[in-house]
């Protein structure tokens, strides 16, 4: 993904140097050099910025609104069941 992640895995093919690394699942680009001229890419993995003790850890959470999730569970869906017609263009075995 970036230089930090790639450098930690380079040269780890030999059996004596094999390390078990925690695979980061959640990552975010904090500083983008395309948007901030002169900066370098800074990634946050699972709420932490590697090698930066000045930045406090972030509690990673679902960004979706909890109210929306509760509201959608309360609504009953009334979805019509489609009725298919078997014609000359039908592909496959017809249902019984």
PDB file of N, CA and C in Angstrom:
ATOM      1  N   UNK A   1       0.820  -1.189   0.000  1.00  0.00           N
ATOM      2  CA  UNK A   1       0.000   0.000   0.000  1.00  0.00           C
ATOM      3  C   UNK A   1       0.859   1.246   0.000  1.00  0.00           C
ATOM      4  N   UNK A   2       1.792   1.331   0.911  1.00  0.00           N
ATOM      5  CA  UNK A   2       2.694   2.471   0.896  1.00  0.00           C
ATOM      6  C   UNK A   2       4.084   1.990   1.260  1.00  0.00           C
ATOM      7  N   UNK A   3       5.009   2.902   1.384  1.00  0.00           N
ATOM      8  CA  UNK A   3       6.381   2.536   1.667  1.00  0.00           C
ATOM      9  C   UNK A   3       6.567   1.843   3.003  1.00  0.00           C
ATOM     10  N   UNK A   4       5.804   2.248   4.021  1.00  0.00           N
ATOM     11  CA  UNK A   4       5.962   1.622   5.327  1.00  0.00           C
ATOM     12  C   UNK A   4       5.521   0.169   5.305  1.00  0.00           C
ATOM     13  N   UNK A   5       4.391  -0.115   4.701  1.00  0.00           N
ATOM     14  CA  UNK A   5       3.882  -1.481   4.682  1.00  0.00           C
ATOM     15  C   UNK A   5       4.753  -2.366   3.800  1.00  0.00           C
ATOM     16  N   UNK A   6       5.203  -1.844   2.672  1.00  0.00           N
ATOM     17  CA  UNK A   6       6.002  -2.646   1.760  1.00  0.00           C
ATOM     18  C   UNK A   6       7.378  -2.935   2.338  1.00  0.00           C
ATOM     19  N   UNK A   7       7.973  -1.962   3.026  1.00  0.00           N
ATOM     20  CA  UNK A   7       9.309  -2.171   3.556  1.00  0.00           C
ATOM     21  C   UNK A   7       9.309  -3.175   4.698  1.00  0.00           C
ATOM     22  N   UNK A   8       8.198  -3.307   5.415  1.00  0.00           N
ATOM     23  CA  UNK A   8       8.162  -4.268   6.509  1.00  0.00           C
ATOM     24  C   UNK A   8       8.086  -5.693   5.996  1.00  0.00           C
ATOM     25  N   UNK A   9       7.650  -5.894   4.752  1.00  0.00           N
ATOM     26  CA  UNK A   9       7.526  -7.224   4.192  1.00  0.00           C
ATOM     27  C   UNK A   9       8.674  -7.577   3.258  1.00  0.00           C
ATOM     28  N   UNK A  10       9.501  -6.616   2.865  1.00  0.00           N
ATOM     29  CA  UNK A  10      10.573  -6.910   1.926  1.00  0.00           C
ATOM     30  C   UNK A  10      11.686  -7.663   2.636  1.00  0.00           C
ATOM     31  N   UNK A  11      12.196  -8.691   1.981  1.00  0.00           N
ATOM     32  CA  UNK A  11      13.280  -9.464   2.548  1.00  0.00           C
ATOM     33  C   UNK A  11      12.851 -10.433   3.626  1.00  0.00           C
ATOM     34  N   UNK A  12      11.586 -10.716   3.761  1.00  0.00           N
ATOM     35  CA  UNK A  12      11.130 -11.617   4.819  1.00  0.00           C
ATOM     36  C   UNK A  12      10.903 -13.027   4.304  1.00  0.00           C
ATOM     37  N   UNK A  13      11.546 -13.391   3.195  1.00  0.00           N
ATOM     38  CA  UNK A  13      11.345 -14.721   2.623  1.00  0.00           C
ATOM     39  C   UNK A  13      12.163 -15.783   3.343  1.00  0.00           C
ATOM     40  N   UNK A  14      13.258 -15.412   3.977  1.00  0.00           N
ATOM     41  CA  UNK A  14      14.068 -16.413   4.661  1.00  0.00           C
ATOM     42  C   UNK A  14      13.369 -16.860   5.938  1.00  0.00           C
ATOM     43  N   UNK A  15      13.562 -18.126   6.320  1.00  0.00           N
ATOM     44  CA  UNK A  15      12.871 -18.694   7.462  1.00  0.00           C
ATOM     45  C   UNK A  15      13.276 -18.068   8.783  1.00  0.00           C
ATOM     46  N   UNK A  16      14.534 -17.614   8.925  1.00  0.00           N
ATOM     47  CA  UNK A  16      14.993 -17.068  10.196  1.00  0.00           C
ATOM     48  C   UNK A  16      14.458 -15.664  10.449  1.00  0.00           C
ATOM     49  N   UNK A  17      14.037 -14.953   9.418  1.00  0.00           N
ATOM     50  CA  UNK A  17      13.551 -13.591   9.569  1.00  0.00           C
ATOM     51  C   UNK A  17      12.039 -13.504   9.447  1.00  0.00           C
ATOM     52  N   UNK A  18      11.335 -14.616   9.577  1.00  0.00           N
ATOM     53  CA  UNK A  18       9.887 -14.622   9.405  1.00  0.00           C
ATOM     54  C   UNK A  18       9.221 -14.014  10.640  1.00  0.00           C
ATOM     55  N   UNK A  19       8.415 -12.965  10.436  1.00  0.00           N
ATOM     56  CA  UNK A  19       7.704 -12.291  11.522  1.00  0.00           C
ATOM     57  C   UNK A  19       6.213 -12.343  11.239  1.00  0.00           C
ATOM     58  N   UNK A  20       5.420 -12.445  12.309  1.00  0.00           N
ATOM     59  CA  UNK A  20       3.966 -12.402  12.160  1.00  0.00           C
ATOM     60  C   UNK A  20       3.520 -10.964  12.376  1.00  0.00           C
ATOM     61  N   UNK A  21       2.987 -10.342  11.329  1.00  0.00           N
ATOM     62  CA  UNK A  21       2.523  -8.968  11.408  1.00  0.00           C
ATOM     63  C   UNK A  21       1.009  -8.953  11.466  1.00  0.00           C
ATOM     64  N   UNK A  22       0.472  -8.032  12.242  1.00  0.00           N
ATOM     65  CA  UNK A  22      -0.974  -7.836  12.275  1.00  0.00           C
ATOM     66  C   UNK A  22      -1.373  -7.134  10.992  1.00  0.00           C
ATOM     67  N   UNK A  23      -2.258  -7.736  10.239  1.00  0.00           N
ATOM     68  CA  UNK A  23      -2.674  -7.151   8.971  1.00  0.00           C
ATOM     69  C   UNK A  23      -3.684  -6.038   9.240  1.00  0.00           C
ATOM     70  N   UNK A  24      -3.355  -4.820   8.802  1.00  0.00           N
ATOM     71  CA  UNK A  24      -4.244  -3.678   9.004  1.00  0.00           C
ATOM     72  C   UNK A  24      -5.476  -3.816   8.119  1.00  0.00           C
ATOM     73  N   UNK A  25      -6.644  -3.728   8.724  1.00  0.00           N
ATOM     74  CA  UNK A  25      -7.883  -3.847   7.962  1.00  0.00           C
ATOM     75  C   UNK A  25      -8.439  -2.478   7.580  1.00  0.00           C
ATOM     76  N   UNK A  26      -8.344  -1.504   8.477  1.00  0.00           N
ATOM     77  CA  UNK A  26      -8.908  -0.182   8.234  1.00  0.00           C
ATOM     78  C   UNK A  26      -7.769   0.814   8.041  1.00  0.00           C
ATOM     79  N   UNK A  27      -7.781   1.504   6.923  1.00  0.00           N
ATOM     80  CA  UNK A  27      -6.744   2.500   6.695  1.00  0.00           C
ATOM     81  C   UNK A  27      -7.358   3.739   6.060  1.00  0.00           C
ATOM     82  N   UNK A  28      -6.680   4.867   6.262  1.00  0.00           N
ATOM     83  CA  UNK A  28      -7.150   6.140   5.724  1.00  0.00           C
ATOM     84  C   UNK A  28      -5.933   6.979   5.362  1.00  0.00           C
ATOM     85  N   UNK A  29      -6.009   7.639   4.207  1.00  0.00           N
ATOM     86  CA  UNK A  29      -4.951   8.557   3.794  1.00  0.00           C
ATOM     87  C   UNK A  29      -5.204   9.889   4.488  1.00  0.00           C
ATOM     88  N   UNK A  30      -4.342  10.247   5.423  1.00  0.00           N
ATOM     89  CA  UNK A  30      -4.511  11.468   6.207  1.00  0.00           C
ATOM     90  C   UNK A  30      -3.987  12.676   5.448  1.00  0.00           C
ATOM     91  N   UNK A  31      -2.793  12.569   4.867  1.00  0.00           N
ATOM     92  CA  UNK A  31      -2.188  13.665   4.109  1.00  0.00           C
ATOM     93  C   UNK A  31      -1.929  13.185   2.692  1.00  0.00           C
ATOM     94  N   UNK A  32      -2.501  13.884   1.729  1.00  0.00           N
ATOM     95  CA  UNK A  32      -2.347  13.536   0.317  1.00  0.00           C
ATOM     96  C   UNK A  32      -1.468  14.583  -0.348  1.00  0.00           C
ATOM     97  N   UNK A  33      -0.309  14.195  -0.914  1.00  0.00           N
ATOM     98  CA  UNK A  33       0.572  15.174  -1.560  1.00  0.00           C
ATOM     99  C   UNK A  33      -0.060  15.836  -2.775  1.00  0.00           C
ATOM    100  N   UNK A  34      -1.059  15.208  -3.378  1.00  0.00           N
ATOM    101  CA  UNK A  34      -1.740  15.824  -4.512  1.00  0.00           C
ATOM    102  C   UNK A  34      -2.560  17.029  -4.052  1.00  0.00           C
ATOM    103  N   UNK A  35      -3.120  16.960  -2.837  1.00  0.00           N
ATOM    104  CA  UNK A  35      -3.919  18.064  -2.307  1.00  0.00           C
ATOM    105  C   UNK A  35      -3.077  19.065  -1.526  1.00  0.00           C
ATOM    106  N   UNK A  36      -2.112  18.578  -0.743  1.00  0.00           N
ATOM    107  CA  UNK A  36      -1.219  19.440   0.034  1.00  0.00           C
ATOM    108  C   UNK A  36       0.165  19.381  -0.599  1.00  0.00           C
ATOM    109  N   UNK A  37       0.487  20.391  -1.379  1.00  0.00           N
ATOM    110  CA  UNK A  37       1.761  20.402  -2.103  1.00  0.00           C
ATOM    111  C   UNK A  37       2.931  20.382  -1.129  1.00  0.00           C
ATOM    112  N   UNK A  38       3.926  19.568  -1.446  1.00  0.00           N
ATOM    113  CA  UNK A  38       5.125  19.485  -0.626  1.00  0.00           C
ATOM    114  C   UNK A  38       5.025  18.483   0.510  1.00  0.00           C
ATOM    115  N   UNK A  39       3.867  17.924   0.746  1.00  0.00           N
ATOM    116  CA  UNK A  39       3.712  16.944   1.821  1.00  0.00           C
ATOM    117  C   UNK A  39       3.994  15.540   1.334  1.00  0.00           C
ATOM    118  N   UNK A  40       4.049  14.628   2.258  1.00  0.00           N
ATOM    119  CA  UNK A  40       4.222  13.224   1.902  1.00  0.00           C
ATOM    120  C   UNK A  40       2.981  12.462   2.359  1.00  0.00           C
ATOM    121  N   UNK A  41       2.795  11.280   1.802  1.00  0.00           N
ATOM    122  CA  UNK A  41       1.630  10.476   2.159  1.00  0.00           C
ATOM    123  C   UNK A  41       1.735  10.026   3.611  1.00  0.00           C
ATOM    124  N   UNK A  42       0.659  10.240   4.357  1.00  0.00           N
ATOM    125  CA  UNK A  42       0.572   9.773   5.737  1.00  0.00           C
ATOM    126  C   UNK A  42      -0.692   8.937   5.842  1.00  0.00           C
ATOM    127  N   UNK A  43      -0.525   7.673   6.222  1.00  0.00           N
ATOM    128  CA  UNK A  43      -1.649   6.757   6.366  1.00  0.00           C
ATOM    129  C   UNK A  43      -1.940   6.514   7.843  1.00  0.00           C
ATOM    130  N   UNK A  44      -3.210   6.282   8.147  1.00  0.00           N
ATOM    131  CA  UNK A  44      -3.616   5.851   9.477  1.00  0.00           C
ATOM    132  C   UNK A  44      -4.165   4.437   9.343  1.00  0.00           C
ATOM    133  N   UNK A  45      -3.615   3.500  10.102  1.00  0.00           N
ATOM    134  CA  UNK A  45      -4.025   2.097  10.062  1.00  0.00           C
ATOM    135  C   UNK A  45      -4.722   1.736  11.365  1.00  0.00           C
ATOM    136  N   UNK A  46      -5.944   1.245  11.262  1.00  0.00           N
ATOM    137  CA  UNK A  46      -6.720   0.819  12.435  1.00  0.00           C
ATOM    138  C   UNK A  46      -6.722   1.880  13.534  1.00  0.00           C
ATOM    139  N   UNK A  47      -6.796   3.155  13.153  1.00  0.00           N
ATOM    140  CA  UNK A  47      -6.882   4.248  14.114  1.00  0.00           C
ATOM    141  C   UNK A  47      -5.553   4.780  14.595  1.00  0.00           C
ATOM    142  N   UNK A  48      -4.434   4.221  14.160  1.00  0.00           N
ATOM    143  CA  UNK A  48      -3.109   4.660  14.609  1.00  0.00           C
ATOM    144  C   UNK A  48      -2.250   5.057  13.425  1.00  0.00           C
ATOM    145  N   UNK A  49      -1.453   6.116  13.632  1.00  0.00           N
ATOM    146  CA  UNK A  49      -0.472   6.512  12.631  1.00  0.00           C
ATOM    147  C   UNK A  49       0.859   5.898  13.061  1.00  0.00           C
ATOM    148  N   UNK A  50       1.416   4.975  12.264  1.00  0.00           N
ATOM    149  CA  UNK A  50       2.670   4.321  12.651  1.00  0.00           C
ATOM    150  C   UNK A  50       3.809   5.324  12.809  1.00  0.00           C
ATOM    151  N   UNK A  51       4.641   5.105  13.810  1.00  0.00           N
ATOM    152  CA  UNK A  51       5.846   5.908  14.072  1.00  0.00           C
ATOM    153  C   UNK A  51       5.538   7.373  14.356  1.00  0.00           C
ATOM    154  N   UNK A  52       4.340   7.690  14.873  1.00  0.00           N
ATOM    155  CA  UNK A  52       4.002   9.067  15.236  1.00  0.00           C
ATOM    156  C   UNK A  52       3.313   9.061  16.600  1.00  0.00           C
ATOM    157  N   UNK A  53       4.085   9.161  17.696  1.00  0.00           N
ATOM    158  CA  UNK A  53       3.481   9.117  19.031  1.00  0.00           C
ATOM    159  C   UNK A  53       2.704  10.381  19.389  1.00  0.00           C
ATOM    160  N   UNK A  54       2.858  11.473  18.622  1.00  0.00           N
ATOM    161  CA  UNK A  54       2.159  12.718  18.939  1.00  0.00           C
ATOM    162  C   UNK A  54       0.687  12.666  18.554  1.00  0.00           C
ATOM    163  N   UNK A  55       0.326  11.766  17.682  1.00  0.00           N
ATOM    164  CA  UNK A  55      -1.056  11.663  17.222  1.00  0.00           C
ATOM    165  C   UNK A  55      -1.792  10.623  18.071  1.00  0.00           C
ATOM    166  N   UNK A  56      -2.851  11.023  18.798  1.00  0.00           N
ATOM    167  CA  UNK A  56      -3.562  10.053  19.640  1.00  0.00           C
ATOM    168  C   UNK A  56      -4.330   9.044  18.789  1.00  0.00           C
ATOM    169  N   UNK A  57      -4.521   7.824  19.297  1.00  0.00           N
ATOM    170  CA  UNK A  57      -5.275   6.827  18.531  1.00  0.00           C
ATOM    171  C   UNK A  57      -6.736   7.233  18.383  1.00  0.00           C
ATOM    172  N   UNK A  58      -7.317   6.852  17.269  1.00  0.00           N
ATOM    173  CA  UNK A  58      -8.701   7.182  16.954  1.00  0.00           C
ATOM    174  C   UNK A  58      -9.539   5.927  17.133  1.00  0.00           C
ATOM    175  N   UNK A  59     -10.709   6.083  17.748  1.00  0.00           N
ATOM    176  CA  UNK A  59     -11.615   4.949  17.874  1.00  0.00           C
ATOM    177  C   UNK A  59     -12.294   4.737  16.525  1.00  0.00           C
ATOM    178  N   UNK A  60     -11.957   3.639  15.854  1.00  0.00           N
ATOM    179  CA  UNK A  60     -12.515   3.352  14.542  1.00  0.00           C
ATOM    180  C   UNK A  60     -13.944   2.870  14.733  1.00  0.00           C
ATOM    181  N   UNK A  61     -14.894   3.503  14.012  1.00  0.00           N
ATOM    182  CA  UNK A  61     -16.299   3.139  14.151  1.00  0.00           C
ATOM    183  C   UNK A  61     -16.987   3.237  12.810  1.00  0.00           C
ATOM    184  N   UNK A  62     -18.190   2.730  12.763  1.00  0.00           N
ATOM    185  CA  UNK A  62     -19.007   2.780  11.561  1.00  0.00           C
ATOM    186  C   UNK A  62     -19.498   4.215  11.372  1.00  0.00           C
ATOM    187  N   UNK A  63     -19.208   4.878  10.237  1.00  0.00           N
ATOM    188  CA  UNK A  63     -19.590   6.281  10.057  1.00  0.00           C
ATOM    189  C   UNK A  63     -21.071   6.495   9.781  1.00  0.00           C
ATOM    190  N   UNK A  64     -21.817   5.416   9.535  1.00  0.00           N
ATOM    191  CA  UNK A  64     -23.242   5.575   9.248  1.00  0.00           C
ATOM    192  C   UNK A  64     -24.007   5.977  10.499  1.00  0.00           C
ATOM    193  N   UNK A  65     -25.071   6.743  10.328  1.00  0.00           N
ATOM    194  CA  UNK A  65     -25.883   7.219  11.438  1.00  0.00           C
ATOM    195  C   UNK A  65     -26.615   6.057  12.097  1.00  0.00           C
ATOM    196  N   UNK A  66     -26.603   6.018  13.430  1.00  0.00           N
ATOM    197  CA  UNK A  66     -27.310   4.968  14.162  1.00  0.00           C
ATOM    198  C   UNK A  66     -28.821   5.131  14.023  1.00  0.00           C
ATOM    199  N   UNK A  67     -29.301   6.374  13.926  1.00  0.00           N
ATOM    200  CA  UNK A  67     -30.742   6.624  13.779  1.00  0.00           C
ATOM    201  C   UNK A  67     -31.245   6.043  12.468  1.00  0.00           C
ATOM    202  N   UNK A  68     -30.495   6.203  11.408  1.00  0.00           N
ATOM    203  CA  UNK A  68     -30.891   5.653  10.110  1.00  0.00           C
ATOM    204  C   UNK A  68     -30.953   4.138  10.175  1.00  0.00           C
ATOM    205  N   UNK A  69     -30.021   3.520  10.865  1.00  0.00           N
ATOM    206  CA  UNK A  69     -30.010   2.062  10.961  1.00  0.00           C
ATOM    207  C   UNK A  69     -31.203   1.558  11.765  1.00  0.00           C
ATOM    208  N   UNK A  70     -31.582   2.261  12.827  1.00  0.00           N
ATOM    209  CA  UNK A  70     -32.752   1.859  13.615  1.00  0.00           C
ATOM    210  C   UNK A  70     -34.018   2.051  12.794  1.00  0.00           C
ATOM    211  N   UNK A  71     -34.111   3.172  12.070  1.00  0.00           N
ATOM    212  CA  UNK A  71     -35.303   3.481  11.278  1.00  0.00           C
ATOM    213  C   UNK A  71     -35.530   2.433  10.188  1.00  0.00           C
ATOM    214  N   UNK A  72     -34.477   2.000   9.540  1.00  0.00           N
ATOM    215  CA  UNK A  72     -34.635   1.028   8.458  1.00  0.00           C
ATOM    216  C   UNK A  72     -35.048  -0.337   8.984  1.00  0.00           C
ATOM    217  N   UNK A  73     -34.715  -0.671  10.214  1.00  0.00           N
ATOM    218  CA  UNK A  73     -35.125  -1.955  10.769  1.00  0.00           C
ATOM    219  C   UNK A  73     -36.608  -1.969  11.120  1.00  0.00           C
ATOM    220  N   UNK A  74     -37.190  -0.809  11.398  1.00  0.00           N
ATOM    221  CA  UNK A  74     -38.585  -0.752  11.819  1.00  0.00           C
ATOM    222  C   UNK A  74     -39.559  -0.815  10.647  1.00  0.00           C
ATOM    223  N   UNK A  75     -39.117  -0.440   9.470  1.00  0.00           N
ATOM    224  CA  UNK A  75     -40.011  -0.419   8.312  1.00  0.00           C
ATOM    225  C   UNK A  75     -40.203  -1.823   7.751  1.00  0.00           C
ATOM    226  N   UNK A  76     -41.464  -2.178   7.471  1.00  0.00           N
ATOM    227  CA  UNK A  76     -41.754  -3.437   6.808  1.00  0.00           C
ATOM    228  C   UNK A  76     -41.744  -3.205   5.305  1.00  0.00           C
ATOM    229  N   UNK A  77     -41.175  -4.137   4.584  1.00  0.00           N
ATOM    230  CA  UNK A  77     -41.094  -4.002   3.141  1.00  0.00           C
ATOM    231  C   UNK A  77     -42.264  -4.707   2.482  1.00  0.00           C
ATOM    232  N   UNK A  78     -42.881  -4.030   1.545  1.00  0.00           N
ATOM    233  CA  UNK A  78     -43.962  -4.617   0.765  1.00  0.00           C
ATOM    234  C   UNK A  78     -43.485  -4.658  -0.682  1.00  0.00           C
ATOM    235  N   UNK A  79     -42.791  -5.738  -1.010  1.00  0.00           N
ATOM    236  CA  UNK A  79     -42.204  -5.872  -2.338  1.00  0.00           C
ATOM    237  C   UNK A  79     -43.044  -6.854  -3.142  1.00  0.00           C
ATOM    238  N   UNK A  80     -43.530  -6.442  -4.302  1.00  0.00           N
ATOM    239  CA  UNK A  80     -44.322  -7.372  -5.116  1.00  0.00           C
ATOM    240  C   UNK A  80     -43.444  -8.482  -5.693  1.00  0.00           C
ATOM    241  N   UNK A  81     -44.004  -9.683  -5.733  1.00  0.00           N
ATOM    242  CA  UNK A  81     -43.289 -10.824  -6.295  1.00  0.00           C
ATOM    243  C   UNK A  81     -43.522 -10.827  -7.798  1.00  0.00           C
ATOM    244  N   UNK A  82     -42.449 -10.802  -8.581  1.00  0.00           N
ATOM    245  CA  UNK A  82     -42.636 -10.759 -10.035  1.00  0.00           C
ATOM    246  C   UNK A  82     -43.187 -12.085 -10.561  1.00  0.00           C
ATOM    247  N   UNK A  83     -44.011 -11.996 -11.583  1.00  0.00           N
ATOM    248  CA  UNK A  83     -44.547 -13.180 -12.247  1.00  0.00           C
ATOM    249  C   UNK A  83     -43.901 -13.249 -13.623  1.00  0.00           C
ATOM    250  N   UNK A  84     -43.148 -14.303 -13.841  1.00  0.00           N
ATOM    251  CA  UNK A  84     -42.429 -14.462 -15.092  1.00  0.00           C
ATOM    252  C   UNK A  84     -43.251 -15.281 -16.072  1.00  0.00           C
ATOM    253  N   UNK A  85     -43.143 -14.928 -17.340  1.00  0.00           N
ATOM    254  CA  UNK A  85     -43.799 -15.682 -18.401  1.00  0.00           C
ATOM    255  C   UNK A  85     -42.738 -16.454 -19.168  1.00  0.00           C
ATOM    256  N   UNK A  86     -43.033 -17.719 -19.448  1.00  0.00           N
ATOM    257  CA  UNK A  86     -42.114 -18.550 -20.216  1.00  0.00           C
ATOM    258  C   UNK A  86     -42.500 -18.415 -21.682  1.00  0.00           C
ATOM    259  N   UNK A  87     -41.577 -17.859 -22.478  1.00  0.00           N
ATOM    260  CA  UNK A  87     -41.841 -17.662 -23.904  1.00  0.00           C
ATOM    261  C   UNK A  87     -40.718 -18.301 -24.717  1.00  0.00           C
ATOM    262  N   UNK A  88     -40.631 -17.961 -25.979  1.00  0.00           N
ATOM    263  CA  UNK A  88     -39.632 -18.556 -26.873  1.00  0.00           C
ATOM    264  C   UNK A  88     -38.205 -18.139 -26.499  1.00  0.00           C
ATOM    265  N   UNK A  89     -38.016 -17.037 -25.790  1.00  0.00           N
ATOM    266  CA  UNK A  89     -36.689 -16.550 -25.418  1.00  0.00           C
ATOM    267  C   UNK A  89     -36.216 -17.087 -24.068  1.00  0.00           C
ATOM    268  N   UNK A  90     -37.021 -17.896 -23.380  1.00  0.00           N
ATOM    269  CA  UNK A  90     -36.659 -18.426 -22.063  1.00  0.00           C
ATOM    270  C   UNK A  90     -35.479 -19.385 -22.192  1.00  0.00           C
ATOM    271  N   UNK A  91     -34.505 -19.252 -21.286  1.00  0.00           N
ATOM    272  CA  UNK A  91     -33.316 -20.102 -21.298  1.00  0.00           C
ATOM    273  C   UNK A  91     -33.348 -20.970 -20.044  1.00  0.00           C
ATOM    274  N   UNK A  92     -33.167 -22.265 -20.209  1.00  0.00           N
ATOM    275  CA  UNK A  92     -33.120 -23.168 -19.065  1.00  0.00           C
ATOM    276  C   UNK A  92     -34.361 -24.032 -18.978  1.00  0.00           C
ATOM    277  N   UNK A  93     -34.405 -24.852 -17.924  1.00  0.00           N
ATOM    278  CA  UNK A  93     -35.557 -25.719 -17.706  1.00  0.00           C
ATOM    279  C   UNK A  93     -36.687 -24.905 -17.091  1.00  0.00           C
ATOM    280  N   UNK A  94     -37.904 -25.036 -17.600  1.00  0.00           N
ATOM    281  CA  UNK A  94     -39.027 -24.297 -17.009  1.00  0.00           C
ATOM    282  C   UNK A  94     -39.371 -24.856 -15.626  1.00  0.00           C
ATOM    283  N   UNK A  95     -39.757 -23.991 -14.687  1.00  0.00           N
ATOM    284  CA  UNK A  95     -40.130 -24.472 -13.356  1.00  0.00           C
ATOM    285  C   UNK A  95     -41.435 -25.257 -13.416  1.00  0.00           C
ATOM    286  N   UNK A  96     -41.636 -26.125 -12.440  1.00  0.00           N
ATOM    287  CA  UNK A  96     -42.840 -26.967 -12.426  1.00  0.00           C
ATOM    288  C   UNK A  96     -43.948 -26.318 -11.664  1.00  0.00           C
TER     289      UNK A  96
END
